[in-house]
C-alpha atoms as a PDB file:
ATOM      1  CA  MET A   1     106.179  84.027 132.414  1.00  0.00           C
ATOM      2  CA  GLY A   2     109.057  86.673 132.960  1.00  0.00           C
ATOM      3  CA  LYS A   3     108.837  90.420 131.712  1.00  0.00           C
ATOM      4  CA  SER A   4     111.447  89.694 129.124  1.00  0.00           C
ATOM      5  CA  GLU A   5     109.549  86.850 127.630  1.00  0.00           C
ATOM      6  CA  SER A   6     106.476  88.936 127.732  1.00  0.00           C
ATOM      7  CA  ASN A   7     108.192  91.794 125.877  1.00  0.00           C
ATOM      8  CA  ILE A   8     109.320  89.421 123.337  1.00  0.00           C
ATOM      9  CA  LEU A   9     106.022  87.797 122.739  1.00  0.00           C
ATOM     10  CA  TYR A  10     104.329  91.407 122.417  1.00  0.00           C
ATOM     11  CA  ARG A  11     106.994  92.327 119.921  1.00  0.00           C
ATOM     12  CA  ARG A  12     106.533  89.065 117.716  1.00  0.00           C
ATOM     13  CA  LEU A  13     102.699  89.677 117.921  1.00  0.00           C
ATOM     14  CA  LEU A  14     103.092  93.384 116.981  1.00  0.00           C
ATOM     15  CA  ARG A  15     105.611  92.321 113.979  1.00  0.00           C
ATOM     16  CA  SER A  16     103.086  89.740 112.843  1.00  0.00           C
ATOM     17  CA  TYR A  17     100.453  92.125 113.067  1.00  0.00           C
ATOM     18  CA  PHE A  18     102.370  94.944 111.389  1.00  0.00           C
ATOM     19  CA  SER A  19     103.246  92.577 108.512  1.00  0.00           C
ATOM     20  CA  SER A  20      99.697  91.316 107.656  1.00  0.00           C
ATOM     21  CA  VAL A  21      98.473  94.937 107.579  1.00  0.00           C
ATOM     22  CA  ILE A  22     101.292  96.021 105.173  1.00  0.00           C
ATOM     23  CA  SER A  23     100.586  92.841 103.010  1.00  0.00           C
ATOM     24  CA  ILE A  24      96.744  93.637 102.993  1.00  0.00           C
ATOM     25  CA  SER A  25      97.622  97.307 102.161  1.00  0.00           C
ATOM     26  CA  LEU A  26      99.826  96.556  99.247  1.00  0.00           C
ATOM     27  CA  VAL A  27      96.857  94.306  97.832  1.00  0.00           C
ATOM     28  CA  LEU A  28      94.417  97.000  98.428  1.00  0.00           C
ATOM     29  CA  PHE A  29      96.630  99.606  96.819  1.00  0.00           C
ATOM     30  CA  LEU A  30      96.944  97.720  93.813  1.00  0.00           C
ATOM     31  CA  VAL A  31      93.014  97.340  93.780  1.00  0.00           C
ATOM     32  CA  GLY A  32      92.577 100.810  94.428  1.00  0.00           C
ATOM     33  CA  MET A  33      95.058 102.127  91.455  1.00  0.00           C
ATOM     34  CA  VAL A  34      93.046 100.037  88.999  1.00  0.00           C
ATOM     35  CA  GLY A  35      89.767 101.194  90.464  1.00  0.00           C
ATOM     36  CA  VAL A  36      91.097 104.777  89.966  1.00  0.00           C
ATOM     37  CA  LEU A  37      91.847 104.188  86.163  1.00  0.00           C
ATOM     38  CA  VAL A  38      88.405 102.093  85.724  1.00  0.00           C
ATOM     39  CA  VAL A  39      86.097 104.695  87.064  1.00  0.00           C
ATOM     40  CA  ASN A  40      88.194 107.540  85.074  1.00  0.00           C
ATOM     41  CA  ALA A  41      88.277 105.155  82.120  1.00  0.00           C
ATOM     42  CA  ARG A  42      85.345 107.356  80.120  1.00  0.00           C
ATOM     43  CA  SER A  43      87.472 110.646  80.930  1.00  0.00           C
ATOM     44  CA  VAL A  44      90.504 109.375  79.396  1.00  0.00           C
ATOM     45  CA  SER A  45      88.926 107.791  76.380  1.00  0.00           C
ATOM     46  CA  ASN A  46      87.036 111.055  75.676  1.00  0.00           C
ATOM     47  CA  TYR A  47      90.255 112.824  75.891  1.00  0.00           C
ATOM     48  CA  PHE A  48      91.839 110.862  73.323  1.00  0.00           C
ATOM     49  CA  LYS A  49      88.578 111.093  71.339  1.00  0.00           C
ATOM     50  CA  GLU A  50      88.307 114.849  71.422  1.00  0.00           C
ATOM     51  CA  ASN A  51      91.987 115.247  70.352  1.00  0.00           C
ATOM     52  CA  ILE A  52      90.731 114.084  66.774  1.00  0.00           C
ATOM     53  CA  THR A  53      89.766 117.313  64.946  1.00  0.00           C
ATOM     54  CA  VAL A  54      87.567 117.840  61.656  1.00  0.00           C
ATOM     55  CA  SER A  55      88.841 120.357  59.328  1.00  0.00           C
ATOM     56  CA  ALA A  56      86.005 122.322  57.496  1.00  0.00           C
ATOM     57  CA  ILE A  57      87.687 124.136  54.663  1.00  0.00           C
ATOM     58  CA  LEU A  58      85.670 127.149  53.618  1.00  0.00           C
ATOM     59  CA  THR A  59      85.236 128.721  50.063  1.00  0.00           C
ATOM     60  CA  VAL A  60      87.663 131.241  48.886  1.00  0.00           C
ATOM     61  CA  GLU A  61      85.271 133.715  48.969  1.00  0.00           C
ATOM     62  CA  ALA A  62      84.226 133.463  52.644  1.00  0.00           C
ATOM     63  CA  ASP A  63      85.907 135.656  55.024  1.00  0.00           C
ATOM     64  CA  GLU A  64      86.762 135.462  58.961  1.00  0.00           C
ATOM     65  CA  ALA A  65      82.913 137.132  59.675  1.00  0.00           C
ATOM     66  CA  ASP A  66      81.501 134.144  57.646  1.00  0.00           C
ATOM     67  CA  ALA A  67      83.727 131.545  59.716  1.00  0.00           C
ATOM     68  CA  SER A  68      82.552 133.196  63.039  1.00  0.00           C
ATOM     69  CA  ALA A  69      79.068 132.826  61.945  1.00  0.00           C
ATOM     70  CA  LEU A  70      79.437 129.480  60.934  1.00  0.00           C
ATOM     71  CA  ALA A  71      81.165 128.505  63.909  1.00  0.00           C
ATOM     72  CA  ASP A  72      78.392 129.895  66.159  1.00  0.00           C
ATOM     73  CA  ILE A  73      75.712 127.772  64.557  1.00  0.00           C
ATOM     74  CA  LEU A  74      77.893 124.801  64.646  1.00  0.00           C
ATOM     75  CA  THR A  75      78.866 125.045  68.302  1.00  0.00           C
ATOM     76  CA  GLY A  76      75.059 125.016  68.775  1.00  0.00           C
ATOM     77  CA  THR A  77      74.407 121.689  67.197  1.00  0.00           C
ATOM     78  CA  GLY A  78      75.580 119.664  70.212  1.00  0.00           C
ATOM     79  CA  TYR A  79      78.222 117.348  68.190  1.00  0.00           C
ATOM     80  CA  VAL A  80      80.658 120.210  68.042  1.00  0.00           C
ATOM     81  CA  LYS A  81      82.184 120.880  71.278  1.00  0.00           C
ATOM     82  CA  ASP A  82      84.453 123.713  70.054  1.00  0.00           C
ATOM     83  CA  ALA A  83      85.352 125.548  66.730  1.00  0.00           C
ATOM     84  CA  ARG A  84      88.381 127.364  66.066  1.00  0.00           C
ATOM     85  CA  ILE A  85      88.753 129.575  63.253  1.00  0.00           C
ATOM     86  CA  VAL A  86      92.264 129.319  61.086  1.00  0.00           C
ATOM     87  CA  THR A  87      92.696 132.747  59.304  1.00  0.00           C
ATOM     88  CA  LYS A  88      94.187 133.064  55.876  1.00  0.00           C
ATOM     89  CA  GLU A  89      97.394 134.291  57.581  1.00  0.00           C
ATOM     90  CA  GLU A  90      97.578 131.450  59.838  1.00  0.00           C
ATOM     91  CA  GLY A  91      97.083 128.778  57.105  1.00  0.00           C
ATOM     92  CA  VAL A  92      99.958 130.985  55.054  1.00  0.00           C
ATOM     93  CA  GLU A  93     102.280 130.396  57.811  1.00  0.00           C
ATOM     94  CA  GLU A  94     101.072 126.435  57.980  1.00  0.00           C
ATOM     95  CA  MET A  95     101.955 126.044  54.266  1.00  0.00           C
ATOM     96  CA  LYS A  96     105.075 127.734  54.657  1.00  0.00           C
ATOM     97  CA  GLY A  97     106.319 125.062  57.129  1.00  0.00           C
ATOM     98  CA  ILE A  98     105.279 122.445  54.656  1.00  0.00           C
ATOM     99  CA  LEU A  99     106.319 124.134  51.283  1.00  0.00           C
ATOM    100  CA  GLY A 100     108.915 126.643  52.149  1.00  0.00           C
ATOM    101  CA  ASP A 101     108.850 130.415  52.766  1.00  0.00           C
ATOM    102  CA  ASP A 102     108.813 131.364  49.019  1.00  0.00           C
ATOM    103  CA  PHE A 103     105.704 129.321  48.000  1.00  0.00           C
ATOM    104  CA  MET A 104     103.473 132.303  47.795  1.00  0.00           C
ATOM    105  CA  ASP A 105     105.819 133.935  44.889  1.00  0.00           C
ATOM    106  CA  VAL A 106     103.793 131.970  42.364  1.00  0.00           C
ATOM    107  CA  PHE A 107     100.461 133.736  43.358  1.00  0.00           C
ATOM    108  CA  GLU A 108      99.439 137.237  43.312  1.00  0.00           C
ATOM    109  CA  VAL A 109      96.688 137.065  45.789  1.00  0.00           C
ATOM    110  CA  ASN A 110      96.584 134.636  48.876  1.00  0.00           C
ATOM    111  CA  PRO A 111      94.971 131.340  47.886  1.00  0.00           C
ATOM    112  CA  ILE A 112      94.508 129.880  51.316  1.00  0.00           C
ATOM    113  CA  PRO A 113      90.906 129.929  52.460  1.00  0.00           C
ATOM    114  CA  VAL A 114      89.770 130.444  55.782  1.00  0.00           C
ATOM    115  CA  SER A 115      88.711 127.201  57.615  1.00  0.00           C
ATOM    116  CA  LEU A 116      87.644 125.894  61.037  1.00  0.00           C
ATOM    117  CA  GLU A 117      89.013 123.086  63.326  1.00  0.00           C
ATOM    118  CA  LEU A 118      86.363 121.545  64.884  1.00  0.00           C
ATOM    119  CA  GLN A 119      86.436 119.637  68.220  1.00  0.00           C
ATOM    120  CA  ILE A 120      83.676 116.720  67.764  1.00  0.00           C
ATOM    121  CA  SER A 121      82.227 115.518  71.077  1.00  0.00           C
ATOM    122  CA  ALA A 122      83.644 112.199  72.025  1.00  0.00           C
ATOM    123  CA  ASP A 123      80.154 110.518  71.588  1.00  0.00           C
ATOM    124  CA  TYR A 124      80.184 111.082  67.862  1.00  0.00           C
ATOM    125  CA  ILE A 125      83.814 109.896  67.303  1.00  0.00           C
ATOM    126  CA  SER A 126      82.756 106.776  65.131  1.00  0.00           C
ATOM    127  CA  THR A 127      83.104 106.300  61.473  1.00  0.00           C
ATOM    128  CA  ASP A 128      79.156 106.557  61.090  1.00  0.00           C
ATOM    129  CA  SER A 129      78.452 109.537  63.221  1.00  0.00           C
ATOM    130  CA  LEU A 130      81.369 111.364  61.369  1.00  0.00           C
ATOM    131  CA  ALA A 131      79.971 110.301  58.058  1.00  0.00           C
ATOM    132  CA  VAL A 132      76.694 111.951  59.048  1.00  0.00           C
ATOM    133  CA  ILE A 133      78.484 115.274  60.483  1.00  0.00           C
ATOM    134  CA  GLU A 134      80.419 115.449  57.042  1.00  0.00           C
ATOM    135  CA  GLU A 135      77.390 115.223  54.844  1.00  0.00           C
ATOM    136  CA  SER A 136      75.836 118.098  57.524  1.00  0.00           C
ATOM    137  CA  LEU A 137      78.760 120.436  57.066  1.00  0.00           C
ATOM    138  CA  TYR A 138      78.571 120.126  53.224  1.00  0.00           C
ATOM    139  CA  SER A 139      75.024 121.330  53.403  1.00  0.00           C
ATOM    140  CA  TYR A 140      76.396 124.751  54.557  1.00  0.00           C
ATOM    141  CA  PRO A 141      77.202 126.965  51.242  1.00  0.00           C
ATOM    142  CA  ALA A 142      80.226 128.369  52.894  1.00  0.00           C
ATOM    143  CA  VAL A 143      81.893 124.890  53.366  1.00  0.00           C
ATOM    144  CA  ASP A 144      83.958 123.698  50.481  1.00  0.00           C
ATOM    145  CA  GLU A 145      85.769 120.558  51.855  1.00  0.00           C
ATOM    146  CA  VAL A 146      85.712 118.491  54.958  1.00  0.00           C
ATOM    147  CA  VAL A 147      89.024 116.830  55.887  1.00  0.00           C
ATOM    148  CA  TYR A 148      89.350 114.346  59.089  1.00  0.00           C
ATOM    149  CA  GLN A 149      91.456 111.099  59.372  1.00  0.00           C
ATOM    150  CA  GLN A 150      88.935 108.299  59.112  1.00  0.00           C
ATOM    151  CA  SER A 151      91.442 105.743  59.515  1.00  0.00           C
ATOM    152  CA  LEU A 152      93.100 107.259  62.699  1.00  0.00           C
ATOM    153  CA  VAL A 153      89.138 107.341  64.161  1.00  0.00           C
ATOM    154  CA  GLU A 154      88.801 103.630  63.068  1.00  0.00           C
ATOM    155  CA  LEU A 155      92.105 102.770  64.577  1.00  0.00           C
ATOM    156  CA  LEU A 156      91.403 104.669  68.094  1.00  0.00           C
ATOM    157  CA  ASN A 157      87.904 103.148  68.459  1.00  0.00           C
ATOM    158  CA  ALA A 158      89.512  99.750  67.710  1.00  0.00           C
ATOM    159  CA  ASN A 159      92.263  99.916  70.007  1.00  0.00           C
ATOM    160  CA  LEU A 160      90.058 101.640  72.868  1.00  0.00           C
ATOM    161  CA  GLU A 161      87.730  98.562  72.670  1.00  0.00           C
ATOM    162  CA  ARG A 162      90.485  96.221  72.936  1.00  0.00           C
ATOM    163  CA  ILE A 163      91.813  98.002  75.829  1.00  0.00           C
ATOM    164  CA  SER A 164      88.528  98.016  77.600  1.00  0.00           C
ATOM    165  CA  LEU A 165      88.403  94.293  76.982  1.00  0.00           C
ATOM    166  CA  VAL A 166      91.841  93.591  78.535  1.00  0.00           C
ATOM    167  CA  ALA A 167      91.286  96.026  81.556  1.00  0.00           C
ATOM    168  CA  GLY A 168      88.053  94.235  82.322  1.00  0.00           C
ATOM    169  CA  VAL A 169      89.519  90.803  82.514  1.00  0.00           C
ATOM    170  CA  PHE A 170      92.334  92.115  84.378  1.00  0.00           C
ATOM    171  CA  VAL A 171      90.105  93.614  86.990  1.00  0.00           C
ATOM    172  CA  LEU A 172      88.439  90.559  87.638  1.00  0.00           C
ATOM    173  CA  LEU A 173      91.621  88.639  87.979  1.00  0.00           C
ATOM    174  CA  LEU A 174      93.028  90.945  90.322  1.00  0.00           C
ATOM    175  CA  LEU A 175      89.978  91.237  92.323  1.00  0.00           C
ATOM    176  CA  PHE A 176      90.069  87.429  92.610  1.00  0.00           C
ATOM    177  CA  ILE A 177      93.659  87.290  93.502  1.00  0.00           C
ATOM    178  CA  SER A 178      93.467  90.202  95.971  1.00  0.00           C
ATOM    179  CA  VAL A 179      90.614  88.128  97.813  1.00  0.00           C
ATOM    180  CA  VAL A 180      92.753  85.020  97.755  1.00  0.00           C
ATOM    181  CA  LEU A 181      95.869  86.849  98.955  1.00  0.00           C
ATOM    182  CA  ILE A 182      93.757  88.902 101.771  1.00  0.00           C
ATOM    183  CA  ASN A 183      91.963  85.605 102.712  1.00  0.00           C
ATOM    184  CA  ASN A 184      95.445  83.449 102.923  1.00  0.00           C
ATOM    185  CA  THR A 185      96.965  86.384 105.027  1.00  0.00           C
ATOM    186  CA  VAL A 186      93.887  86.744 107.475  1.00  0.00           C
ATOM    187  CA  ARG A 187      93.691  82.870 107.791  1.00  0.00           C
ATOM    188  CA  LEU A 188      97.317  82.545 108.580  1.00  0.00           C
ATOM    189  CA  ASN A 189      97.128  85.063 111.328  1.00  0.00           C
ATOM    190  CA  VAL A 190      94.078  83.388 112.943  1.00  0.00           C
ATOM    191  CA  TYR A 191      95.673  80.001 112.355  1.00  0.00           C
ATOM    192  CA  SER A 192      98.619  81.018 114.669  1.00  0.00           C
ATOM    193  CA  LYS A 193      96.006  81.420 117.486  1.00  0.00           C
ATOM    194  CA  ARG A 194      94.682  78.027 117.068  1.00  0.00           C
ATOM    195  CA  PHE A 195      95.712  76.797 120.627  1.00  0.00           C
ATOM    196  CA  THR A 196      94.031  79.856 122.014  1.00  0.00           C
ATOM    197  CA  ILE A 197      90.995  79.248 120.293  1.00  0.00           C
ATOM    198  CA  HIS A 198      91.113  75.460 121.494  1.00  0.00           C
ATOM    199  CA  THR A 199      91.737  76.513 125.058  1.00  0.00           C
ATOM    200  CA  MET A 200      88.617  79.066 125.198  1.00  0.00           C
ATOM    201  CA  ARG A 201      86.409  75.934 123.619  1.00  0.00           C
ATOM    202  CA  LEU A 202      87.418  73.789 126.292  1.00  0.00           C
ATOM    203  CA  VAL A 203      86.567  76.228 129.118  1.00  0.00           C
ATOM    204  CA  GLY A 204      82.940  76.417 127.905  1.00  0.00           C
ATOM    205  CA  ALA A 205      83.065  79.368 125.399  1.00  0.00           C
ATOM    206  CA  THR A 206      80.466  79.591 122.724  1.00  0.00           C
ATOM    207  CA  LYS A 207      81.390  79.752 119.052  1.00  0.00           C
ATOM    208  CA  SER A 208      79.959  83.245 119.081  1.00  0.00           C
ATOM    209  CA  PHE A 209      81.865  84.452 121.996  1.00  0.00           C
ATOM    210  CA  ILE A 210      85.345  82.989 120.473  1.00  0.00           C
ATOM    211  CA  THR A 211      84.617  84.538 117.251  1.00  0.00           C
ATOM    212  CA  MET A 212      83.622  87.915 118.081  1.00  0.00           C
ATOM    213  CA  PRO A 213      86.967  89.388 119.618  1.00  0.00           C
ATOM    214  CA  PHE A 214      88.674  88.132 116.340  1.00  0.00           C
ATOM    215  CA  VAL A 215      86.169  89.658 113.861  1.00  0.00           C
ATOM    216  CA  GLY A 216      86.548  92.858 116.176  1.00  0.00           C
ATOM    217  CA  GLN A 217      90.443  92.837 115.490  1.00  0.00           C
ATOM    218  CA  ALA A 218      89.917  91.905 111.786  1.00  0.00           C
ATOM    219  CA  PHE A 219      87.464  95.022 111.369  1.00  0.00           C
ATOM    220  CA  PHE A 220      90.463  97.397 112.829  1.00  0.00           C
ATOM    221  CA  GLN A 221      92.921  95.521 110.985  1.00  0.00           C
ATOM    222  CA  GLY A 222      91.227  95.951 107.463  1.00  0.00           C
ATOM    223  CA  LEU A 223      90.120  99.601 108.521  1.00  0.00           C
ATOM    224  CA  ILE A 224      93.974 100.313 109.342  1.00  0.00           C
ATOM    225  CA  SER A 225      95.031  98.327 105.926  1.00  0.00           C
ATOM    226  CA  GLY A 226      92.530 100.184 103.946  1.00  0.00           C
ATOM    227  CA  ALA A 227      93.543 103.486 105.316  1.00  0.00           C
ATOM    228  CA  VAL A 228      97.338 102.747 104.776  1.00  0.00           C
ATOM    229  CA  ALA A 229      96.496 101.667 100.984  1.00  0.00           C
ATOM    230  CA  ASP A 230      94.645 105.121 100.796  1.00  0.00           C
ATOM    231  CA  VAL A 231      97.690 107.012 101.919  1.00  0.00           C
ATOM    232  CA  PHE A 232      99.522 104.830  99.193  1.00  0.00           C
ATOM    233  CA  ILE A 233      97.109 105.943  96.609  1.00  0.00           C
ATOM    234  CA  LEU A 234      97.303 109.606  97.458  1.00  0.00           C
ATOM    235  CA  GLY A 235     101.143 109.403  97.039  1.00  0.00           C
ATOM    236  CA  ALA A 236     100.846 107.560  93.451  1.00  0.00           C
ATOM    237  CA  LEU A 237      98.394 110.162  92.398  1.00  0.00           C
ATOM    238  CA  TYR A 238     100.434 113.137  93.720  1.00  0.00           C
ATOM    239  CA  LEU A 239     103.258 111.624  91.461  1.00  0.00           C
ATOM    240  CA  ILE A 240     101.171 111.347  88.388  1.00  0.00           C
ATOM    241  CA  ARG A 241     100.170 115.127  89.045  1.00  0.00           C
ATOM    242  CA  ASN A 242     103.700 116.125  89.060  1.00  0.00           C
ATOM    243  CA  GLU A 243     104.885 114.006  85.998  1.00  0.00           C
ATOM    244  CA  PHE A 244     101.411 113.672  83.956  1.00  0.00           C
ATOM    245  CA  TYR A 245      99.417 116.896  84.971  1.00  0.00           C
ATOM    246  CA  GLN A 246      97.110 116.656  81.881  1.00  0.00           C
ATOM    247  CA  LEU A 247      96.244 113.235  82.588  1.00  0.00           C
ATOM    248  CA  PHE A 248      95.616 113.791  86.087  1.00  0.00           C
ATOM    249  CA  SER A 249      93.599 116.764  85.356  1.00  0.00           C
ATOM    250  CA  LEU A 250      90.759 114.250  83.636  1.00  0.00           C
ATOM    251  CA  PHE A 251      90.285 112.667  87.175  1.00  0.00           C
ATOM    252  CA  ASP A 252      86.985 113.242  88.665  1.00  0.00           C
ATOM    253  CA  ALA A 253      87.779 114.198  92.525  1.00  0.00           C
ATOM    254  CA  MET A 254      84.173 112.526  93.627  1.00  0.00           C
ATOM    255  CA  LEU A 255      84.906 109.234  91.675  1.00  0.00           C
ATOM    256  CA  LEU A 256      88.494 109.027  93.469  1.00  0.00           C
ATOM    257  CA  GLY A 257      86.838 109.588  96.982  1.00  0.00           C
ATOM    258  CA  MET A 258      84.454 106.755  96.320  1.00  0.00           C
ATOM    259  CA  VAL A 259      87.215 104.516  95.329  1.00  0.00           C
ATOM    260  CA  MET A 260      89.125 105.298  98.300  1.00  0.00           C
ATOM    261  CA  ILE A 261      86.215 104.566 100.413  1.00  0.00           C
ATOM    262  CA  GLY A 262      85.409 101.428  98.472  1.00  0.00           C
ATOM    263  CA  VAL A 263      89.119 100.400  99.378  1.00  0.00           C
ATOM    264  CA  VAL A 264      88.533 100.888 102.809  1.00  0.00           C
ATOM    265  CA  VAL A 265      85.242  98.906 102.885  1.00  0.00           C
ATOM    266  CA  LEU A 266      86.686  96.034 100.858  1.00  0.00           C
ATOM    267  CA  GLY A 267      89.552  95.694 103.220  1.00  0.00           C
ATOM    268  CA  VAL A 268      87.374  95.553 106.305  1.00  0.00           C
ATOM    269  CA  LEU A 269      84.735  93.093 104.574  1.00  0.00           C
ATOM    270  CA  ILE A 270      87.433  90.500 103.370  1.00  0.00           C
ATOM    271  CA  CYS A 271      89.075  90.801 106.898  1.00  0.00           C
ATOM    272  CA  MET A 272      85.974  90.299 108.857  1.00  0.00           C
ATOM    273  CA  ILE A 273      84.640  87.304 106.588  1.00  0.00           C
ATOM    274  CA  SER A 274      87.927  85.511 106.224  1.00  0.00           C
ATOM    275  CA  THR A 275      88.588  86.049 110.127  1.00  0.00           C
ATOM    276  CA  SER A 276      84.843  84.642 110.774  1.00  0.00           C
ATOM    277  CA  ALA A 277      85.230  81.635 108.459  1.00  0.00           C
ATOM    278  CA  GLY A 278      88.868  80.912 109.801  1.00  0.00           C
ATOM    279  CA  VAL A 279      87.839  80.963 112.896  1.00  0.00           C
ATOM    280  CA  ARG A 280      84.802  78.793 113.079  1.00  0.00           C
ATOM    281  CA  SER A 281      86.681  76.365 110.995  1.00  0.00           C
ATOM    282  CA  LEU A 282      89.293  75.991 113.673  1.00  0.00           C
ATOM    283  CA  ILE A 283      86.876  75.645 116.418  1.00  0.00           C
ATOM    284  CA  SER A 284      85.618  72.223 115.042  1.00  0.00           C
ATOM    285  CA  LEU A 285      89.274  70.852 115.278  1.00  0.00           C
ATOM    286  CA  ASN A 286      90.178  68.192 117.833  1.00  0.00           C
ATOM    287  CA  LYS A 287      93.297  68.362 119.887  1.00  0.00           C
ATOM    288  CA  SER A 288      95.206  66.147 117.432  1.00  0.00           C
ATOM    289  CA  GLU A 289      94.220  68.233 114.407  1.00  0.00           C
ATOM    290  CA  LEU A 290      95.826  71.517 115.998  1.00  0.00           C
ATOM    291  CA  TYR A 291      99.236  70.257 115.119  1.00  0.00           C
ATOM    292  CA  TYR A 292      98.829  69.564 111.367  1.00  0.00           C
END
C-alpha cells in the first residue's frame, strides 16, 4: 500500500472516529442536561413554593415591637423560614398604590395595621399544612387575620406533580433512546471492521484476544465522548448563569459534579458493553455472512 493510500485510509478512520465521538457526546450531553434538572428538581420546586407568602395581619393596637417579638417566635417554630415586618407606613404606601394618594384624607389616624409577611418552608406548602399553620397563627392574641392564596397553592402543587410525572417518563424515554443510539453508533463502527475480525479469527486468535483491543478502544471512546459532553454541559450552564442567574444559584455544585461524572461513566459503560457484544456477534459470522 502506497504512502498516499495509507494517509487516505488514516484520514477516513480519523473522521469515522471523530464523528462517532461527536455523535455519542451529543447524546450524552442531552442526558447530562436532563440529569442536571432532575437532581436539582427539588431545589427548583422549593424555590417556587417558598415564593408563596402568608400574611399575618396584626391588630390595630399592635406595634412594631409586638410584630418583632412575634416574628422571633414564629421563626423558631420550624415551619416559618423567614418573617418580614411590614410597618404601618409601608402599608400606607401599598394602599396608596391601590386606592390613590388621597385615600388617607378620610381618616384621622392611620388605620393600616402592622403585618408580617411569612415565608413558609417548602415542606409545609400544602393545603392541609397551611390550614394547620393558619389555625396556629390565630392562637396568638396579636394576630387579627391570616391571608394567603389557597387557590395558588393548590394550582402550584398540582402543576409540580404533573411536571414531575412527565419529567420522569421523559427521562426514562431519553435514557432508552440514548442507549439505543449509542449502541447503534458503536456497533456500526465495529461492523466496519468485520473483515479484520474475520482475519484475526482465521489465524487462530481467541475470542478474548480479538475482543480486548476493541473494548480498550471503546473505553477511550466513551471516556473522550463523556469528557466532550461535560464540556458542552459546562458551556450550557455558563449560558444559564448569564441569562437566569437566580435559577442557576439554586443548583448544587456537588450534584452537578456527580452528574458530570455519571455522564462519563455512562458513556464508557455503554461503549464497552456495545463493543463487546458487537465484536462477539461478528466473530461467529462465516465468510459469506460478512457481505450482508
